Amino acid sequence: MSFVTQYDVEIWLRIENALGKKIEEEDIPKDEVMVLMERIGEAQRVAVKEMKEIHNSRSGLARRGRARRGRDEMDQEEG
């Protein structure tokens, strides 16, 4: 397992504390891990797509009956 931030380490230490023991590092061959990379990448793409769809559907509800203004249009109105 690789850690990205100090928060990941903190969570891992809290899990070990809750279990009452230190979890030993396990060596896993790189080729076994790489087999899963494609599935992980696909899952990430699906998740991003779904999040964008949710965001767009919520944005659509907020702007019913009026066109959404761009940042440039808002700046022009202010001054």
N, C-alpha and C. Protein backbone atom coordinates (compact mmCIF):
# COMPACT_ATOMS: atom_id res chain seq x y z
N MET A 1 0.86 -1.16 0.00
CA MET A 1 0.00 0.00 0.00
C MET A 1 0.90 1.23 0.00
N SER A 2 0.57 2.18 -0.81
CA SER A 2 1.35 3.41 -0.80
C SER A 2 0.50 4.51 -0.20
N PHE A 3 1.16 5.42 0.48
CA PHE A 3 0.47 6.52 1.12
C PHE A 3 0.72 7.80 0.35
N VAL A 4 -0.29 8.63 0.27
CA VAL A 4 -0.18 9.86 -0.49
C VAL A 4 0.00 11.05 0.44
N THR A 5 -0.68 11.04 1.56
CA THR A 5 -0.61 12.18 2.48
C THR A 5 -0.43 11.70 3.91
N GLN A 6 -0.18 12.65 4.79
CA GLN A 6 -0.05 12.32 6.20
C GLN A 6 -1.37 11.82 6.77
N TYR A 7 -2.48 12.19 6.14
CA TYR A 7 -3.78 11.74 6.61
C TYR A 7 -3.96 10.24 6.37
N ASP A 8 -3.40 9.74 5.28
CA ASP A 8 -3.46 8.31 5.02
C ASP A 8 -2.71 7.54 6.10
N VAL A 9 -1.56 8.05 6.49
CA VAL A 9 -0.77 7.41 7.54
C VAL A 9 -1.55 7.44 8.84
N GLU A 10 -2.17 8.56 9.13
CA GLU A 10 -2.95 8.69 10.37
C GLU A 10 -4.09 7.67 10.41
N ILE A 11 -4.79 7.52 9.31
CA ILE A 11 -5.89 6.55 9.26
C ILE A 11 -5.36 5.14 9.47
N TRP A 12 -4.25 4.83 8.79
CA TRP A 12 -3.65 3.49 8.93
C TRP A 12 -3.26 3.22 10.39
N LEU A 13 -2.67 4.20 11.05
CA LEU A 13 -2.27 4.04 12.45
C LEU A 13 -3.49 3.88 13.35
N ARG A 14 -4.57 4.58 13.05
CA ARG A 14 -5.79 4.44 13.84
C ARG A 14 -6.39 3.05 13.69
N ILE A 15 -6.31 2.49 12.47
CA ILE A 15 -6.80 1.12 12.25
C ILE A 15 -5.97 0.14 13.06
N GLU A 16 -4.65 0.30 13.01
CA GLU A 16 -3.78 -0.59 13.78
C GLU A 16 -4.07 -0.47 15.27
N ASN A 17 -4.29 0.76 15.74
CA ASN A 17 -4.59 0.98 17.15
C ASN A 17 -5.90 0.30 17.54
N ALA A 18 -6.91 0.41 16.67
CA ALA A 18 -8.20 -0.22 16.96
C ALA A 18 -8.08 -1.74 17.00
N LEU A 19 -7.21 -2.28 16.15
CA LEU A 19 -7.00 -3.73 16.15
C LEU A 19 -6.11 -4.19 17.30
N GLY A 20 -5.36 -3.25 17.82
CA GLY A 20 -4.47 -3.58 18.93
C GLY A 20 -3.18 -4.26 18.49
N LYS A 21 -2.83 -4.14 17.23
CA LYS A 21 -1.58 -4.75 16.76
C LYS A 21 -1.11 -4.03 15.49
N LYS A 22 0.17 -4.17 15.24
CA LYS A 22 0.76 -3.59 14.04
C LYS A 22 0.57 -4.58 12.89
N ILE A 23 0.12 -4.06 11.78
CA ILE A 23 -0.09 -4.90 10.60
C ILE A 23 1.21 -4.92 9.82
N GLU A 24 1.69 -6.11 9.56
CA GLU A 24 2.96 -6.28 8.87
C GLU A 24 2.84 -5.95 7.39
N GLU A 25 3.93 -5.45 6.84
CA GLU A 25 3.98 -5.14 5.42
C GLU A 25 3.98 -6.45 4.63
N GLU A 26 3.25 -6.45 3.55
CA GLU A 26 3.18 -7.65 2.72
C GLU A 26 3.78 -7.33 1.35
N ASP A 27 4.70 -8.18 0.92
CA ASP A 27 5.30 -8.01 -0.39
C ASP A 27 4.42 -8.66 -1.44
N ILE A 28 4.02 -7.86 -2.41
CA ILE A 28 3.17 -8.35 -3.49
C ILE A 28 3.91 -8.12 -4.80
N PRO A 29 4.02 -9.15 -5.63
CA PRO A 29 4.73 -8.98 -6.90
C PRO A 29 4.08 -7.90 -7.76
N LYS A 30 4.93 -7.09 -8.41
CA LYS A 30 4.47 -5.97 -9.20
C LYS A 30 3.51 -6.40 -10.31
N ASP A 31 3.76 -7.54 -10.94
CA ASP A 31 2.89 -7.97 -12.04
C ASP A 31 1.48 -8.27 -11.57
N GLU A 32 1.32 -8.74 -10.33
CA GLU A 32 -0.01 -8.99 -9.78
C GLU A 32 -0.76 -7.67 -9.57
N VAL A 33 -0.04 -6.66 -9.15
CA VAL A 33 -0.66 -5.36 -8.92
C VAL A 33 -1.03 -4.71 -10.25
N MET A 34 -0.16 -4.83 -11.23
CA MET A 34 -0.40 -4.18 -12.52
C MET A 34 -1.62 -4.77 -13.23
N VAL A 35 -1.97 -6.01 -12.94
CA VAL A 35 -3.16 -6.62 -13.52
C VAL A 35 -4.40 -5.83 -13.12
N LEU A 36 -4.40 -5.30 -11.92
CA LEU A 36 -5.56 -4.57 -11.41
C LEU A 36 -5.61 -3.11 -11.86
N MET A 37 -4.51 -2.59 -12.37
CA MET A 37 -4.46 -1.18 -12.75
C MET A 37 -5.51 -0.81 -13.80
N GLU A 38 -5.75 -1.67 -14.77
CA GLU A 38 -6.74 -1.36 -15.80
C GLU A 38 -8.13 -1.25 -15.20
N ARG A 39 -8.47 -2.16 -14.31
CA ARG A 39 -9.79 -2.11 -13.67
C ARG A 39 -9.94 -0.87 -12.80
N ILE A 40 -8.86 -0.51 -12.12
CA ILE A 40 -8.89 0.69 -11.27
C ILE A 40 -9.07 1.93 -12.12
N GLY A 41 -8.34 2.01 -13.22
CA GLY A 41 -8.46 3.15 -14.13
C GLY A 41 -9.87 3.27 -14.69
N GLU A 42 -10.45 2.15 -15.07
CA GLU A 42 -11.83 2.16 -15.60
C GLU A 42 -12.81 2.62 -14.52
N ALA A 43 -12.64 2.14 -13.30
CA ALA A 43 -13.52 2.55 -12.20
C ALA A 43 -13.40 4.05 -11.94
N GLN A 44 -12.19 4.59 -12.03
CA GLN A 44 -12.00 6.02 -11.84
C GLN A 44 -12.69 6.81 -12.94
N ARG A 45 -12.58 6.36 -14.18
CA ARG A 45 -13.23 7.06 -15.30
C ARG A 45 -14.75 7.06 -15.13
N VAL A 46 -15.30 5.93 -14.72
CA VAL A 46 -16.75 5.83 -14.51
C VAL A 46 -17.18 6.77 -13.38
N ALA A 47 -16.41 6.79 -12.30
CA ALA A 47 -16.75 7.64 -11.16
C ALA A 47 -16.73 9.11 -11.55
N VAL A 48 -15.72 9.54 -12.29
CA VAL A 48 -15.63 10.94 -12.72
C VAL A 48 -16.80 11.28 -13.63
N LYS A 49 -17.14 10.38 -14.54
CA LYS A 49 -18.25 10.62 -15.46
C LYS A 49 -19.57 10.77 -14.68
N GLU A 50 -19.79 9.88 -13.71
CA GLU A 50 -21.02 9.96 -12.93
C GLU A 50 -21.07 11.24 -12.10
N MET A 51 -19.93 11.65 -11.55
CA MET A 51 -19.90 12.88 -10.76
C MET A 51 -20.22 14.09 -11.64
N LYS A 52 -19.70 14.10 -12.86
CA LYS A 52 -20.00 15.21 -13.78
C LYS A 52 -21.47 15.22 -14.14
N GLU A 53 -22.06 14.04 -14.37
CA GLU A 53 -23.48 13.96 -14.70
C GLU A 53 -24.34 14.48 -13.55
N ILE A 54 -23.98 14.11 -12.34
CA ILE A 54 -24.73 14.58 -11.17
C ILE A 54 -24.61 16.10 -11.06
N HIS A 55 -23.40 16.60 -11.23
CA HIS A 55 -23.19 18.06 -11.16
C HIS A 55 -23.99 18.78 -12.23
N ASN A 56 -23.96 18.25 -13.44
CA ASN A 56 -24.69 18.90 -14.54
C ASN A 56 -26.20 18.84 -14.32
N SER A 57 -26.70 17.75 -13.77
CA SER A 57 -28.14 17.66 -13.53
C SER A 57 -28.57 18.64 -12.43
N ARG A 58 -27.73 18.82 -11.43
CA ARG A 58 -28.04 19.79 -10.37
C ARG A 58 -27.95 21.21 -10.90
N SER A 59 -26.99 21.46 -11.75
CA SER A 59 -26.85 22.80 -12.34
C SER A 59 -28.05 23.11 -13.22
N GLY A 60 -28.56 22.12 -13.91
CA GLY A 60 -29.72 22.30 -14.77
C GLY A 60 -30.95 22.68 -13.98
N LEU A 61 -31.11 22.14 -12.78
CA LEU A 61 -32.25 22.49 -11.94
C LEU A 61 -32.16 23.93 -11.46
N ALA A 62 -30.96 24.39 -11.20
CA ALA A 62 -30.77 25.73 -10.66
C ALA A 62 -31.01 26.81 -11.70
N ARG A 63 -30.91 26.50 -12.97
CA ARG A 63 -31.02 27.53 -13.99
C ARG A 63 -32.26 27.39 -14.86
N ARG A 64 -33.27 26.73 -14.38
CA ARG A 64 -34.50 26.61 -15.17
C ARG A 64 -35.05 27.98 -15.48
N GLY A 65 -35.42 28.18 -16.73
CA GLY A 65 -36.05 29.42 -17.12
C GLY A 65 -35.09 30.54 -17.42
N ARG A 66 -33.81 30.35 -17.23
CA ARG A 66 -32.85 31.39 -17.57
C ARG A 66 -31.54 30.76 -18.02
N ALA A 67 -30.89 31.44 -18.89
CA ALA A 67 -29.60 30.95 -19.39
C ALA A 67 -28.53 31.22 -18.34
N ARG A 68 -27.60 30.34 -18.25
CA ARG A 68 -26.51 30.51 -17.30
C ARG A 68 -25.50 31.50 -17.87
N ARG A 69 -25.14 32.46 -17.08
CA ARG A 69 -24.19 33.47 -17.53
C ARG A 69 -22.78 32.98 -17.29
N GLY A 70 -21.90 33.34 -18.20
CA GLY A 70 -20.49 33.01 -18.04
C GLY A 70 -19.79 34.03 -17.18
N ARG A 71 -18.59 33.71 -16.78
CA ARG A 71 -17.80 34.62 -15.94
C ARG A 71 -17.54 35.95 -16.65
N ASP A 72 -17.30 35.91 -17.96
CA ASP A 72 -17.06 37.15 -18.71
C ASP A 72 -18.27 38.06 -18.68
N GLU A 73 -19.45 37.49 -18.81
CA GLU A 73 -20.67 38.30 -18.79
C GLU A 73 -20.87 38.94 -17.43
N MET A 74 -20.55 38.21 -16.37
CA MET A 74 -20.70 38.76 -15.02
C MET A 74 -19.71 39.90 -14.82
N ASP A 75 -18.48 39.76 -15.32
CA ASP A 75 -17.49 40.81 -15.17
C ASP A 75 -17.91 42.06 -15.92
N GLN A 76 -18.52 41.92 -17.10
CA GLN A 76 -18.96 43.06 -17.89
C GLN A 76 -20.05 43.84 -17.15
N GLU A 77 -20.93 43.10 -16.47
CA GLU A 77 -22.02 43.76 -15.75
C GLU A 77 -21.50 44.56 -14.56
N GLU A 78 -20.43 44.07 -13.92
CA GLU A 78 -19.90 44.74 -12.74
C GLU A 78 -19.13 46.01 -13.07
N GLY A 79 -18.61 46.10 -14.24
CA GLY A 79 -17.87 47.32 -14.45
C GLY A 79 -17.19 47.37 -15.72
